[in-house]
Amino acid sequence: MLIKSHKDGFSHPASNEITPQRVYEGRRDLMKLMATGVAGAAMASMAVRDARAQVARPGKLAALAGAKSNVPGAVTMEKLTAYKDITSYNNFYEFGADKGDPAENAHTLKTTPWSVEVEGLVKKPARYTLEDLLKLSTQEERIYRHRCVEGWSMVIPWVGYSLSELIKKVEPLGGAKYVEFVTLDDPKTMPFVGSRVLDWPYVEGLRMDEALHPLALLSFGLYGEVLPNQDGAPVRLVVPWKYGFKSGKSLVKIRFTDKQPATAWNKAAPAEYGFYSNVNPDVDHPRWSQATERRIGEDGLFAKRRKTLMFNGYEPQVGQLYAGMDLKKYF
């Protein structure tokens, strides 16, 4: 990976000004879909998107326990990002390449019925309905920083429980070294599936010790409410010390394996997106710096940029997972 020095104070542009080549190509595919009427709603104005984000709240999450988490590091006192920003500024390429596309297009996603298949190197493979998953553990509110590789961040009150609760339930075999997460890829309800941006379905992965860390979350909601479609309904992964694309949305399969999974963005651009993808201010993306970030909701583009924190501020909790590793090689 190319590591660049930014002693001159270089600051990369806003995320909406940064678009990988494959995303540009993918937008052409989306335009073709729009021409056929499949995704015509994407032409709505940003004002309409904002209005929908403010009023289309999907309802209270019935299983919410209402208590803050007692997992160390799972709650931050930073100001929360507004609901309307969390739900109107998203990366969810199955619904479009622009940040406002998911809020506009994801209403087509069907989240009931829903199930997640657990397979691979486990003693107890199973297919869990959403209701089964909700019953596995008491849900908690986790207020996590969310950091995107493009340089923007949020503070989100997720609702869910540690992924480790599910892992313990299925009893991984000794040979299981990694956990692979597969997301829904339904071209009937996801207008951008089939584009050339990525190989579908969207796949992510964690090393077993990462997946077992109590901060790794299965999330079913935010702000005490059911996850909006554009934020990964009905169940998603949240790994707060990694860049946001590691947190797969709309999960349908969890597979335990002895081999490192081939993940979506790593396959698409291996020199730019590593398997680990830990938030690291000292390891730049080849085309922009990761040293600072822009917090969404803080006076737009003119807000002072924040310094990026190692492991997104969770170094005391997760730093030991990577002791002795060359984080520039294993980025």
Protein backbone atom coordinates (compact mmCIF):
# COMPACT_ATOMS: atom_id res chain seq x y z
CA MET A 1 0.00 0.00 0.00
CA LEU A 2 1.26 3.46 -0.84
CA ILE A 3 1.85 5.48 2.35
CA LYS A 4 2.00 9.24 1.85
CA SER A 5 3.24 12.03 4.06
CA HIS A 6 1.00 15.04 4.71
CA LYS A 7 3.34 17.42 6.44
CA ASP A 8 1.95 20.19 4.26
CA GLY A 9 -1.38 19.90 6.05
CA PHE A 10 -3.14 18.31 3.09
CA SER A 11 -6.80 17.53 3.83
CA HIS A 12 -8.81 15.32 1.51
CA PRO A 13 -12.08 16.65 0.06
CA ALA A 14 -15.55 15.96 1.36
CA SER A 15 -16.81 12.42 0.84
CA ASN A 16 -19.32 13.42 -1.80
CA GLU A 17 -16.38 14.64 -3.91
CA ILE A 18 -14.57 11.28 -3.71
CA THR A 19 -15.79 8.56 -6.03
CA PRO A 20 -13.86 5.41 -7.02
CA GLN A 21 -13.74 4.61 -10.73
CA ARG A 22 -16.01 1.59 -10.33
CA VAL A 23 -18.62 3.75 -8.64
CA TYR A 24 -18.60 6.15 -11.59
CA GLU A 25 -19.16 3.18 -13.87
CA GLY A 26 -21.86 1.87 -11.56
CA ARG A 27 -23.74 5.14 -11.73
CA ARG A 28 -24.09 4.60 -15.47
CA ASP A 29 -25.79 1.30 -14.69
CA LEU A 30 -28.12 3.04 -12.26
CA MET A 31 -29.01 5.60 -14.91
CA LYS A 32 -29.97 2.73 -17.21
CA LEU A 33 -32.22 1.34 -14.51
CA MET A 34 -33.75 4.73 -13.95
CA ALA A 35 -34.47 4.98 -17.66
CA THR A 36 -36.55 1.81 -17.37
CA GLY A 37 -38.43 3.16 -14.39
CA VAL A 38 -37.00 0.66 -11.88
CA ALA A 39 -35.28 3.36 -9.86
CA GLY A 40 -37.03 6.48 -11.05
CA ALA A 41 -37.66 7.61 -7.50
CA ALA A 42 -33.96 8.42 -7.20
CA MET A 43 -34.63 11.68 -9.04
CA ALA A 44 -36.43 13.18 -6.06
CA SER A 45 -34.87 16.28 -4.55
CA MET A 46 -32.70 16.29 -1.44
CA ALA A 47 -35.42 18.27 0.30
CA VAL A 48 -37.82 15.38 -0.19
CA ARG A 49 -35.18 12.95 1.07
CA ASP A 50 -34.67 14.97 4.22
CA ALA A 51 -38.39 15.17 4.84
CA ARG A 52 -38.79 11.41 4.46
CA ALA A 53 -35.87 10.79 6.81
CA GLN A 54 -37.51 12.91 9.48
CA VAL A 55 -40.99 11.40 9.31
CA ALA A 56 -40.60 7.81 8.10
CA ARG A 57 -39.59 6.34 11.43
CA PRO A 58 -40.31 2.61 11.35
CA GLY A 59 -41.47 2.19 14.96
CA LYS A 60 -40.25 1.23 18.40
CA LEU A 61 -38.09 -1.84 18.78
CA ALA A 62 -40.22 -4.08 20.97
CA ALA A 63 -37.31 -6.01 22.46
CA LEU A 64 -35.40 -2.92 23.60
CA ALA A 65 -34.45 -3.31 27.25
CA GLY A 66 -33.99 0.43 27.68
CA ALA A 67 -30.67 0.17 29.51
CA LYS A 68 -27.25 1.45 28.51
CA SER A 69 -24.66 -1.22 27.89
CA ASN A 70 -22.18 -2.09 30.61
CA VAL A 71 -19.63 -3.34 28.04
CA PRO A 72 -16.50 -1.19 28.47
CA GLY A 73 -16.23 1.31 25.65
CA ALA A 74 -19.78 0.77 24.41
CA VAL A 75 -21.03 4.22 25.42
CA THR A 76 -19.51 7.57 24.53
CA MET A 77 -20.55 10.95 25.92
CA GLU A 78 -20.10 12.65 22.55
CA LYS A 79 -23.05 14.46 21.03
CA LEU A 80 -25.28 12.11 19.06
CA THR A 81 -25.73 12.59 15.34
CA ALA A 82 -29.29 13.60 14.49
CA TYR A 83 -31.66 10.84 13.38
CA LYS A 84 -32.33 12.64 10.11
CA ASP A 85 -28.61 12.69 9.28
CA ILE A 86 -28.07 9.04 10.22
CA THR A 87 -30.97 8.02 7.99
CA SER A 88 -30.37 10.31 5.01
CA TYR A 89 -26.57 10.14 4.53
CA ASN A 90 -25.60 6.52 3.90
CA ASN A 91 -23.40 4.13 1.98
CA PHE A 92 -25.57 1.21 0.85
CA TYR A 93 -24.55 0.47 -2.72
CA GLU A 94 -27.40 -1.96 -3.33
CA PHE A 95 -29.60 1.16 -3.48
CA GLY A 96 -27.31 3.59 -5.28
CA ALA A 97 -23.86 5.15 -5.19
CA ASP A 98 -24.77 8.61 -3.87
CA LYS A 99 -25.18 9.27 -0.15
CA GLY A 100 -28.87 10.17 -0.48
CA ASP A 101 -29.81 7.24 -2.72
CA PRO A 102 -30.43 4.65 0.04
CA ALA A 103 -32.94 6.88 1.86
CA GLU A 104 -34.77 7.44 -1.40
CA ASN A 105 -34.66 3.93 -2.83
CA ALA A 106 -34.57 1.48 0.10
CA HIS A 107 -38.33 1.57 0.70
CA THR A 108 -38.46 -1.33 -1.78
CA LEU A 109 -36.58 -3.63 0.63
CA LYS A 110 -38.81 -6.34 2.11
CA THR A 111 -37.75 -7.15 5.66
CA THR A 112 -40.50 -9.60 6.62
CA PRO A 113 -40.25 -12.50 6.74
CA TRP A 114 -36.51 -12.59 7.37
CA SER A 115 -34.04 -15.25 8.38
CA VAL A 116 -30.28 -15.60 8.82
CA GLU A 117 -28.60 -18.90 8.04
CA VAL A 118 -25.60 -19.89 10.18
CA GLU A 119 -23.38 -22.51 8.56
CA GLY A 120 -19.86 -23.77 8.11
CA LEU A 121 -17.53 -24.96 10.85
CA VAL A 122 -20.01 -25.03 13.73
CA LYS A 123 -21.54 -27.78 15.83
CA LYS A 124 -25.02 -26.30 15.61
CA PRO A 125 -25.78 -24.86 12.18
CA ALA A 126 -29.22 -23.32 12.05
CA ARG A 127 -31.54 -20.93 10.29
CA TYR A 128 -32.67 -18.18 12.66
CA THR A 129 -35.75 -16.12 12.03
CA LEU A 130 -35.53 -12.48 13.00
CA GLU A 131 -37.70 -13.28 16.01
CA ASP A 132 -35.27 -16.03 17.04
CA LEU A 133 -32.34 -13.61 16.85
CA LEU A 134 -34.15 -11.01 18.92
CA LYS A 135 -34.64 -13.55 21.69
CA LEU A 136 -31.00 -14.65 21.93
CA SER A 137 -29.89 -11.91 24.30
CA THR A 138 -31.10 -8.85 26.16
CA GLN A 139 -30.70 -5.88 23.87
CA GLU A 140 -28.75 -2.83 24.91
CA GLU A 141 -28.09 0.64 23.61
CA ARG A 142 -24.56 1.05 22.31
CA ILE A 143 -23.50 4.61 21.51
CA TYR A 144 -20.71 4.11 19.01
CA ARG A 145 -18.61 6.33 16.81
CA HIS A 146 -19.04 5.41 13.15
CA ARG A 147 -16.13 6.30 10.84
CA CYS A 148 -16.27 6.03 7.05
CA VAL A 149 -13.17 5.43 4.95
CA GLU A 150 -14.18 8.51 2.95
CA GLY A 151 -13.46 10.78 5.90
CA TRP A 152 -16.83 11.41 7.55
CA SER A 153 -18.07 10.25 10.91
CA MET A 154 -21.20 10.01 13.07
CA VAL A 155 -22.11 9.07 16.64
CA ILE A 156 -24.96 6.55 16.54
CA PRO A 157 -27.05 5.01 19.36
CA TRP A 158 -27.32 1.45 18.04
CA VAL A 159 -29.57 -1.15 19.63
CA GLY A 160 -28.44 -4.76 19.71
CA TYR A 161 -26.21 -7.22 21.51
CA SER A 162 -22.72 -8.64 21.19
CA LEU A 163 -22.22 -10.89 18.18
CA SER A 164 -20.46 -13.27 20.55
CA GLU A 165 -23.85 -14.27 21.98
CA LEU A 166 -24.80 -15.85 18.66
CA ILE A 167 -21.34 -17.32 18.15
CA LYS A 168 -21.45 -19.09 21.50
CA LYS A 169 -24.90 -20.45 20.67
CA VAL A 170 -23.75 -22.20 17.48
CA GLU A 171 -20.48 -23.53 19.02
CA PRO A 172 -17.72 -23.02 16.41
CA LEU A 173 -15.39 -25.94 15.73
CA GLY A 174 -11.70 -25.70 16.51
CA GLY A 175 -10.82 -25.12 12.86
CA ALA A 176 -13.02 -22.02 12.55
CA LYS A 177 -10.66 -19.05 12.22
CA TYR A 178 -12.85 -16.51 10.45
CA VAL A 179 -16.48 -15.45 10.25
CA GLU A 180 -17.96 -14.47 6.89
CA PHE A 181 -21.04 -12.25 6.60
CA VAL A 182 -23.22 -12.38 3.49
CA THR A 183 -25.84 -9.75 2.77
CA LEU A 184 -29.03 -9.86 0.74
CA ASP A 185 -28.63 -9.40 -3.01
CA ASP A 186 -32.13 -9.25 -4.41
CA PRO A 187 -32.27 -7.35 -7.73
CA LYS A 188 -36.05 -7.15 -7.45
CA THR A 189 -35.89 -4.99 -4.33
CA MET A 190 -32.34 -3.61 -4.57
CA PRO A 191 -32.05 -1.64 -7.82
CA PHE A 192 -28.25 -1.37 -7.85
CA VAL A 193 -27.53 -5.11 -7.41
CA GLY A 194 -26.06 -6.31 -10.69
CA SER A 195 -24.10 -3.13 -11.27
CA ARG A 196 -20.36 -3.31 -11.89
CA VAL A 197 -19.42 -1.46 -8.71
CA LEU A 198 -18.97 -4.70 -6.76
CA ASP A 199 -19.34 -8.44 -7.05
CA TRP A 200 -22.64 -9.38 -5.47
CA PRO A 201 -23.65 -10.38 -2.88
CA TYR A 202 -21.83 -7.98 -0.59
CA VAL A 203 -19.53 -10.07 1.64
CA GLU A 204 -17.55 -9.04 4.71
CA GLY A 205 -15.47 -10.92 7.23
CA LEU A 206 -13.80 -10.84 10.62
CA ARG A 207 -11.12 -12.87 12.29
CA MET A 208 -12.65 -15.05 15.01
CA ASP A 209 -11.18 -13.07 17.90
CA GLU A 210 -12.53 -9.86 16.37
CA ALA A 211 -15.99 -11.39 15.99
CA LEU A 212 -15.92 -12.55 19.62
CA HIS A 213 -14.97 -9.14 20.97
CA PRO A 214 -17.88 -7.72 23.02
CA LEU A 215 -17.86 -4.44 21.06
CA ALA A 216 -18.77 -6.25 17.81
CA LEU A 217 -22.52 -5.86 17.61
CA LEU A 218 -25.51 -7.44 15.94
CA SER A 219 -27.79 -4.43 15.58
CA PHE A 220 -31.55 -4.37 15.07
CA GLY A 221 -32.25 -0.69 15.67
CA LEU A 222 -31.04 2.81 16.40
CA TYR A 223 -32.42 5.55 18.60
CA GLY A 224 -34.56 2.85 20.26
CA GLU A 225 -36.40 2.15 17.02
CA VAL A 226 -36.33 -0.54 14.36
CA LEU A 227 -33.51 -0.10 11.86
CA PRO A 228 -34.61 1.96 8.86
CA ASN A 229 -34.14 0.11 5.59
CA GLN A 230 -31.39 2.45 4.44
CA ASP A 231 -29.36 1.71 7.57
CA GLY A 232 -29.31 -2.05 7.07
CA ALA A 233 -32.66 -3.41 8.21
CA PRO A 234 -33.60 -5.71 9.71
CA VAL A 235 -30.25 -6.89 11.14
CA ARG A 236 -26.73 -5.70 10.51
CA LEU A 237 -23.20 -5.94 11.83
CA VAL A 238 -21.56 -3.02 13.65
CA VAL A 239 -17.79 -3.11 14.22
CA PRO A 240 -17.01 0.32 15.65
CA TRP A 241 -13.20 0.24 15.49
CA LYS A 242 -13.21 -0.45 11.75
CA TYR A 243 -14.23 1.65 8.76
CA GLY A 244 -17.94 1.56 8.11
CA PHE A 245 -17.90 -0.72 5.07
CA LYS A 246 -16.85 -3.61 7.34
CA SER A 247 -20.26 -3.49 9.04
CA GLY A 248 -22.40 -5.51 6.63
CA LYS A 249 -26.08 -4.58 6.29
CA SER A 250 -29.20 -6.72 5.81
CA LEU A 251 -27.47 -9.96 6.76
CA VAL A 252 -28.81 -13.27 5.44
CA LYS A 253 -25.91 -15.65 6.11
CA ILE A 254 -23.11 -16.05 8.64
CA ARG A 255 -20.50 -18.64 7.73
CA PHE A 256 -17.65 -19.96 9.88
CA THR A 257 -14.55 -20.90 7.91
CA ASP A 258 -10.88 -21.79 8.22
CA LYS A 259 -9.92 -19.40 5.41
CA GLN A 260 -9.91 -15.62 5.25
CA PRO A 261 -13.06 -14.57 3.35
CA ALA A 262 -12.77 -12.73 0.06
CA THR A 263 -14.58 -9.50 0.96
CA ALA A 264 -16.40 -7.13 -1.36
CA TRP A 265 -14.24 -4.03 -1.36
CA ASN A 266 -11.00 -5.96 -0.97
CA LYS A 267 -11.85 -7.85 -4.16
CA ALA A 268 -12.88 -4.67 -5.96
CA ALA A 269 -9.77 -2.64 -5.05
CA PRO A 270 -7.23 -4.64 -2.99
CA ALA A 271 -4.66 -1.83 -2.94
CA GLU A 272 -7.21 0.53 -1.39
CA TYR A 273 -9.32 -1.62 0.95
CA GLY A 274 -7.59 -4.20 3.12
CA PHE A 275 -9.20 -7.11 4.89
CA TYR A 276 -8.69 -5.63 8.37
CA SER A 277 -9.72 -2.03 7.60
CA ASN A 278 -9.07 -0.78 11.11
CA VAL A 279 -9.47 2.97 11.54
CA ASN A 280 -5.88 4.20 11.51
CA PRO A 281 -4.79 7.84 11.08
CA ASP A 282 -1.25 6.68 10.19
CA VAL A 283 -2.27 4.54 7.21
CA ASP A 284 -3.73 6.59 4.39
CA HIS A 285 -5.97 5.51 1.59
CA PRO A 286 -3.81 5.72 -1.56
CA ARG A 287 -5.83 8.72 -2.77
CA TRP A 288 -6.51 10.67 0.42
CA SER A 289 -5.45 11.12 4.01
CA GLN A 290 -7.08 9.36 6.96
CA ALA A 291 -5.55 11.74 9.52
CA THR A 292 -8.72 13.81 10.00
CA GLU A 293 -12.48 13.41 9.69
CA ARG A 294 -15.63 15.49 9.26
CA ARG A 295 -18.44 14.90 11.74
CA ILE A 296 -21.79 14.92 9.94
CA GLY A 297 -24.14 17.58 11.31
CA GLU A 298 -21.40 19.96 12.47
CA ASP A 299 -21.91 23.01 10.27
CA GLY A 300 -21.39 21.18 7.04
CA LEU A 301 -18.24 21.56 4.99
CA PHE A 302 -16.99 24.55 6.99
CA ALA A 303 -16.72 22.77 10.31
CA LYS A 304 -13.25 22.21 11.70
CA ARG A 305 -12.06 18.71 10.95
CA ARG A 306 -11.37 16.35 13.84
CA LYS A 307 -8.24 14.30 14.31
CA THR A 308 -8.90 10.65 13.54
CA LEU A 309 -8.44 8.44 16.59
CA MET A 310 -6.55 5.16 16.44
CA PHE A 311 -9.04 2.30 16.15
CA ASN A 312 -11.71 5.04 16.07
CA GLY A 313 -11.08 5.74 19.76
CA TYR A 314 -11.43 2.12 20.86
CA GLU A 315 -7.71 1.38 21.18
CA PRO A 316 -7.90 0.60 24.94
CA GLN A 317 -10.50 -2.07 24.21
CA VAL A 318 -9.24 -3.65 20.97
CA GLY A 319 -5.59 -2.71 20.58
CA GLN A 320 -4.40 -6.01 22.03
CA LEU A 321 -6.04 -7.88 19.14
CA TYR A 322 -3.34 -6.55 16.84
CA ALA A 323 -0.29 -6.64 19.12
CA GLY A 324 2.84 -7.22 17.06
CA MET A 325 1.12 -6.82 13.70
CA ASP A 326 2.46 -4.52 11.00
CA LEU A 327 -0.64 -2.35 10.57
CA LYS A 328 0.69 -0.81 7.36
CA LYS A 329 1.02 -4.24 5.78
CA TYR A 330 -2.17 -5.64 7.27
CA PHE A 331 -4.30 -2.57 6.65
